[in-house]
Amino acid sequence: MTLASLRGKTVVLTDFLSLCQEVCPLTSANLGQVRQAVERAGRQTDIELVEVTVDPSRDTPARLAAYSTIIGAGGNWQLLTGTAANVAALWKWFGVAYERQPESSPAPVDWWTGKPLTYDVGHSDVLFFLDPAGVERYLITGAPNAASVPVPAALASFLNDEGRKNRASPDAGAWTASDVDAVLSWLTGAQLNAS
C-alpha cells in the first residue's frame, strides 16, 4: 500500500494508535460519522479515510483488524501499519511528531489482550486532506469534538481521565465530523453532511 495507490481519490489521512486513551478513539468516532456521510452521498469510491499507526510494533494487522471491527472501519476506511522504518518515513514526510513515552502508573490494561500496557506513544493530532493528484490541500490540527458522537463501548471504557474530559468537554476549537465534511465538500464539489 502506498499513497500513490490512492491517486484519483480524495484522501483524509490521520495518525493514530489503537492503544490511545485520550484522542484517537474520538478521532475514529468522528471518522465513522464522516464515512456515513460519504456513503449517503454515494462517494465511497472517490473518498478514502486512512488512519496510519504511530505504534507499528504493537499495531499489528491482527490488532488493527480487531480495532476495525470495533469502530466499523473497512471499505473506504482503512487502518494501516507497516515496518517501523516505513511508518517513520511517512510521518516524517508529513511532519507528524511521535515518541514512545513511559506508561502511567498503575498501567492501564490493553482492551484487546487484557495485559498491562508497558508504554504509551505521544503524537501529533492532525488530519491531512489530499486531493486526487495526491497534493496536500488542507490540514486540521488538534483534538476532535466527539461529544455528540457515539464512541464504541470498548473504546469509551478504555479512555483515561484526559480522554473522558476530551469527550465530555472538548476544547472550543476542537474539530467535528461536520468540519471534515465541509472540507471534503469543498475538495470534491459533492455536498456531505455528517448530521
Protein backbone atom coordinates (compact mmCIF):
# COMPACT_ATOMS: atom_id res chain seq x y z
CA MET A 1 0.00 0.00 0.00
CA THR A 2 1.31 3.42 -0.95
CA LEU A 3 -0.25 6.85 -1.05
CA ALA A 4 0.35 6.74 -4.81
CA SER A 5 -2.11 3.83 -4.97
CA LEU A 6 -4.80 6.25 -3.77
CA ARG A 7 -4.31 8.67 -6.66
CA GLY A 8 -7.64 9.60 -8.17
CA LYS A 9 -9.28 9.74 -4.74
CA THR A 10 -9.66 12.48 -2.18
CA VAL A 11 -7.95 11.23 0.98
CA VAL A 12 -8.33 12.08 4.65
CA LEU A 13 -5.13 10.87 6.33
CA THR A 14 -4.55 10.84 10.09
CA ASP A 15 -2.13 9.39 12.60
CA PHE A 16 -3.36 7.17 15.43
CA LEU A 17 -2.61 4.20 17.64
CA SER A 18 -5.07 1.56 18.73
CA LEU A 19 -3.96 1.87 22.37
CA CYS A 20 -4.53 5.62 22.64
CA GLN A 21 -6.67 6.62 25.60
CA GLU A 22 -7.06 10.34 25.01
CA VAL A 23 -7.82 11.32 21.41
CA CYS A 24 -7.64 8.50 18.83
CA PRO A 25 -10.90 6.74 19.80
CA LEU A 26 -12.65 10.11 19.44
CA THR A 27 -11.00 10.71 16.07
CA SER A 28 -12.17 7.28 14.92
CA ALA A 29 -15.70 8.00 16.18
CA ASN A 30 -15.80 11.23 14.16
CA LEU A 31 -14.42 9.46 11.09
CA GLY A 32 -17.22 6.92 11.46
CA GLN A 33 -19.69 9.79 11.11
CA VAL A 34 -17.77 11.10 8.08
CA ARG A 35 -17.86 7.65 6.48
CA GLN A 36 -21.64 7.54 6.88
CA ALA A 37 -21.93 10.95 5.20
CA VAL A 38 -19.66 9.79 2.36
CA GLU A 39 -21.84 6.70 1.85
CA ARG A 40 -25.08 8.72 1.95
CA ALA A 41 -23.62 10.96 -0.77
CA GLY A 42 -22.60 7.90 -2.82
CA ARG A 43 -18.95 8.99 -2.84
CA GLN A 44 -17.30 5.96 -1.21
CA THR A 45 -15.37 5.17 -4.41
CA ASP A 46 -13.94 8.74 -4.59
CA ILE A 47 -13.12 9.42 -0.93
CA GLU A 48 -10.76 7.36 1.23
CA LEU A 49 -10.34 7.66 5.01
CA VAL A 50 -6.93 6.40 6.14
CA GLU A 51 -5.61 6.06 9.69
CA VAL A 52 -1.93 5.09 9.86
CA THR A 53 -0.42 4.00 13.14
CA VAL A 54 2.37 5.69 15.03
CA ASP A 55 2.87 2.46 17.01
CA PRO A 56 3.83 -0.19 14.44
CA SER A 57 5.41 -2.54 17.00
CA ARG A 58 2.02 -3.12 18.67
CA ASP A 59 -0.40 -2.20 15.91
CA THR A 60 -0.13 -5.46 14.00
CA PRO A 61 -2.54 -6.38 11.20
CA ALA A 62 -4.45 -8.62 13.66
CA ARG A 63 -4.82 -5.83 16.23
CA LEU A 64 -5.91 -3.37 13.55
CA ALA A 65 -8.47 -5.89 12.29
CA ALA A 66 -9.89 -6.11 15.84
CA TYR A 67 -9.93 -2.30 16.13
CA SER A 68 -11.58 -2.05 12.69
CA THR A 69 -14.35 -4.37 13.84
CA ILE A 70 -14.96 -2.26 16.94
CA ILE A 71 -15.19 1.03 15.03
CA GLY A 72 -16.84 -0.31 11.88
CA ALA A 73 -13.96 0.50 9.53
CA GLY A 74 -13.46 -1.23 6.20
CA GLY A 75 -14.09 -0.47 2.55
CA ASN A 76 -13.08 3.14 2.03
CA TRP A 77 -11.91 3.49 5.67
CA GLN A 78 -8.57 1.80 6.19
CA LEU A 79 -6.36 1.31 9.23
CA LEU A 80 -2.74 0.76 8.23
CA THR A 81 0.53 -0.30 9.79
CA GLY A 82 3.95 -1.10 8.39
CA THR A 83 7.55 -1.52 9.36
CA ALA A 84 8.86 0.96 11.89
CA ALA A 85 11.08 2.46 9.18
CA ASN A 86 8.23 2.88 6.68
CA VAL A 87 5.92 4.40 9.28
CA ALA A 88 8.67 6.78 10.43
CA ALA A 89 9.40 7.83 6.84
CA LEU A 90 5.70 8.53 6.13
CA TRP A 91 5.16 10.61 9.23
CA LYS A 92 8.49 12.44 8.82
CA TRP A 93 7.37 13.43 5.32
CA PHE A 94 4.15 14.89 6.73
CA GLY A 95 5.84 16.48 9.76
CA VAL A 96 3.98 14.37 12.33
CA ALA A 97 5.87 14.01 15.59
CA TYR A 98 5.52 10.97 17.81
CA GLU A 99 7.58 9.34 20.53
CA ARG A 100 7.41 6.43 22.92
CA GLN A 101 6.72 7.53 26.50
CA PRO A 102 6.55 5.79 29.86
CA GLU A 103 3.12 4.45 30.75
CA SER A 104 1.21 5.90 33.68
CA SER A 105 1.03 4.03 36.96
CA PRO A 106 -0.91 1.93 37.53
CA ALA A 107 -0.61 0.78 33.93
CA PRO A 108 -3.89 0.61 32.01
CA VAL A 109 -4.99 -2.76 30.67
CA ASP A 110 -4.96 -3.40 26.92
CA TRP A 111 -8.56 -3.53 25.60
CA TRP A 112 -7.65 -6.46 23.32
CA THR A 113 -5.22 -8.66 25.27
CA GLY A 114 -6.18 -7.79 28.85
CA LYS A 115 -2.49 -7.30 29.70
CA PRO A 116 -1.00 -4.18 31.34
CA LEU A 117 0.50 -1.66 28.91
CA THR A 118 4.23 -1.05 29.13
CA TYR A 119 4.47 2.25 27.22
CA ASP A 120 2.43 4.95 25.52
CA VAL A 121 3.07 6.89 22.31
CA GLY A 122 2.65 10.66 22.41
CA HIS A 123 1.82 12.06 18.96
CA SER A 124 0.51 14.98 16.97
CA ASP A 125 -3.23 15.14 16.34
CA VAL A 126 -3.66 16.06 12.71
CA LEU A 127 -5.84 15.36 9.66
CA PHE A 128 -4.38 15.83 6.19
CA PHE A 129 -6.62 16.26 3.16
CA LEU A 130 -5.08 15.14 -0.14
CA ASP A 131 -6.66 15.86 -3.50
CA PRO A 132 -6.95 13.21 -6.26
CA ALA A 133 -3.47 14.19 -7.51
CA GLY A 134 -2.04 13.38 -4.07
CA VAL A 135 -1.39 17.04 -3.21
CA GLU A 136 -1.99 18.17 0.37
CA ARG A 137 -4.76 20.74 0.18
CA TYR A 138 -5.94 21.25 3.75
CA LEU A 139 -4.92 20.48 7.31
CA ILE A 140 -6.83 20.26 10.58
CA THR A 141 -4.86 20.04 13.82
CA GLY A 142 -5.89 19.37 17.38
CA ALA A 143 -8.23 17.11 19.25
CA PRO A 144 -11.67 16.18 17.91
CA ASN A 145 -15.01 17.19 19.35
CA ALA A 146 -16.87 13.89 19.67
CA ALA A 147 -19.20 14.98 22.48
CA SER A 148 -22.33 14.13 20.49
CA VAL A 149 -20.92 11.18 18.54
CA PRO A 150 -21.32 7.56 19.65
CA VAL A 151 -17.99 6.04 20.71
CA PRO A 152 -17.89 2.22 20.72
CA ALA A 153 -18.25 0.93 24.28
CA ALA A 154 -14.94 -0.97 24.23
CA LEU A 155 -13.07 2.23 23.41
CA ALA A 156 -15.16 4.56 25.57
CA SER A 157 -14.35 2.39 28.59
CA PHE A 158 -10.65 2.44 27.61
CA LEU A 159 -10.48 6.26 27.75
CA ASN A 160 -8.40 7.63 30.62
CA ASP A 161 -9.27 10.77 32.62
CA GLU A 162 -7.94 13.06 29.89
CA GLY A 163 -9.84 11.12 27.21
CA ARG A 164 -13.10 11.30 29.19
CA LYS A 165 -12.53 15.05 29.64
CA ASN A 166 -11.84 15.46 25.89
CA ARG A 167 -15.11 13.69 25.15
CA ALA A 168 -17.29 15.44 27.75
CA SER A 169 -15.81 18.96 27.44
CA PRO A 170 -13.96 19.37 24.14
CA ASP A 171 -11.80 22.43 23.62
CA ALA A 172 -13.53 25.36 21.92
CA GLY A 173 -11.55 24.88 18.68
CA ALA A 174 -11.91 21.08 18.54
CA TRP A 175 -12.87 19.76 15.10
CA THR A 176 -16.08 17.89 14.35
CA ALA A 177 -17.20 15.42 11.71
CA SER A 178 -19.07 18.34 10.12
CA ASP A 179 -15.77 20.22 9.77
CA VAL A 180 -14.31 17.26 7.86
CA ASP A 181 -17.44 17.05 5.72
CA ALA A 182 -17.13 20.75 4.86
CA VAL A 183 -13.53 20.31 3.68
CA LEU A 184 -14.44 17.21 1.67
CA SER A 185 -17.42 19.05 0.15
CA TRP A 186 -15.09 21.86 -0.90
CA LEU A 187 -12.48 19.47 -2.34
CA THR A 188 -14.90 17.20 -4.20
CA GLY A 189 -17.78 19.52 -5.05
CA ALA A 190 -20.18 16.95 -3.51
CA GLN A 191 -22.25 18.06 -0.54
CA LEU A 192 -21.62 15.89 2.54
CA ASN A 193 -23.43 16.13 5.84
CA ALA A 194 -22.43 14.11 8.93
CA SER A 195 -25.53 15.17 10.87
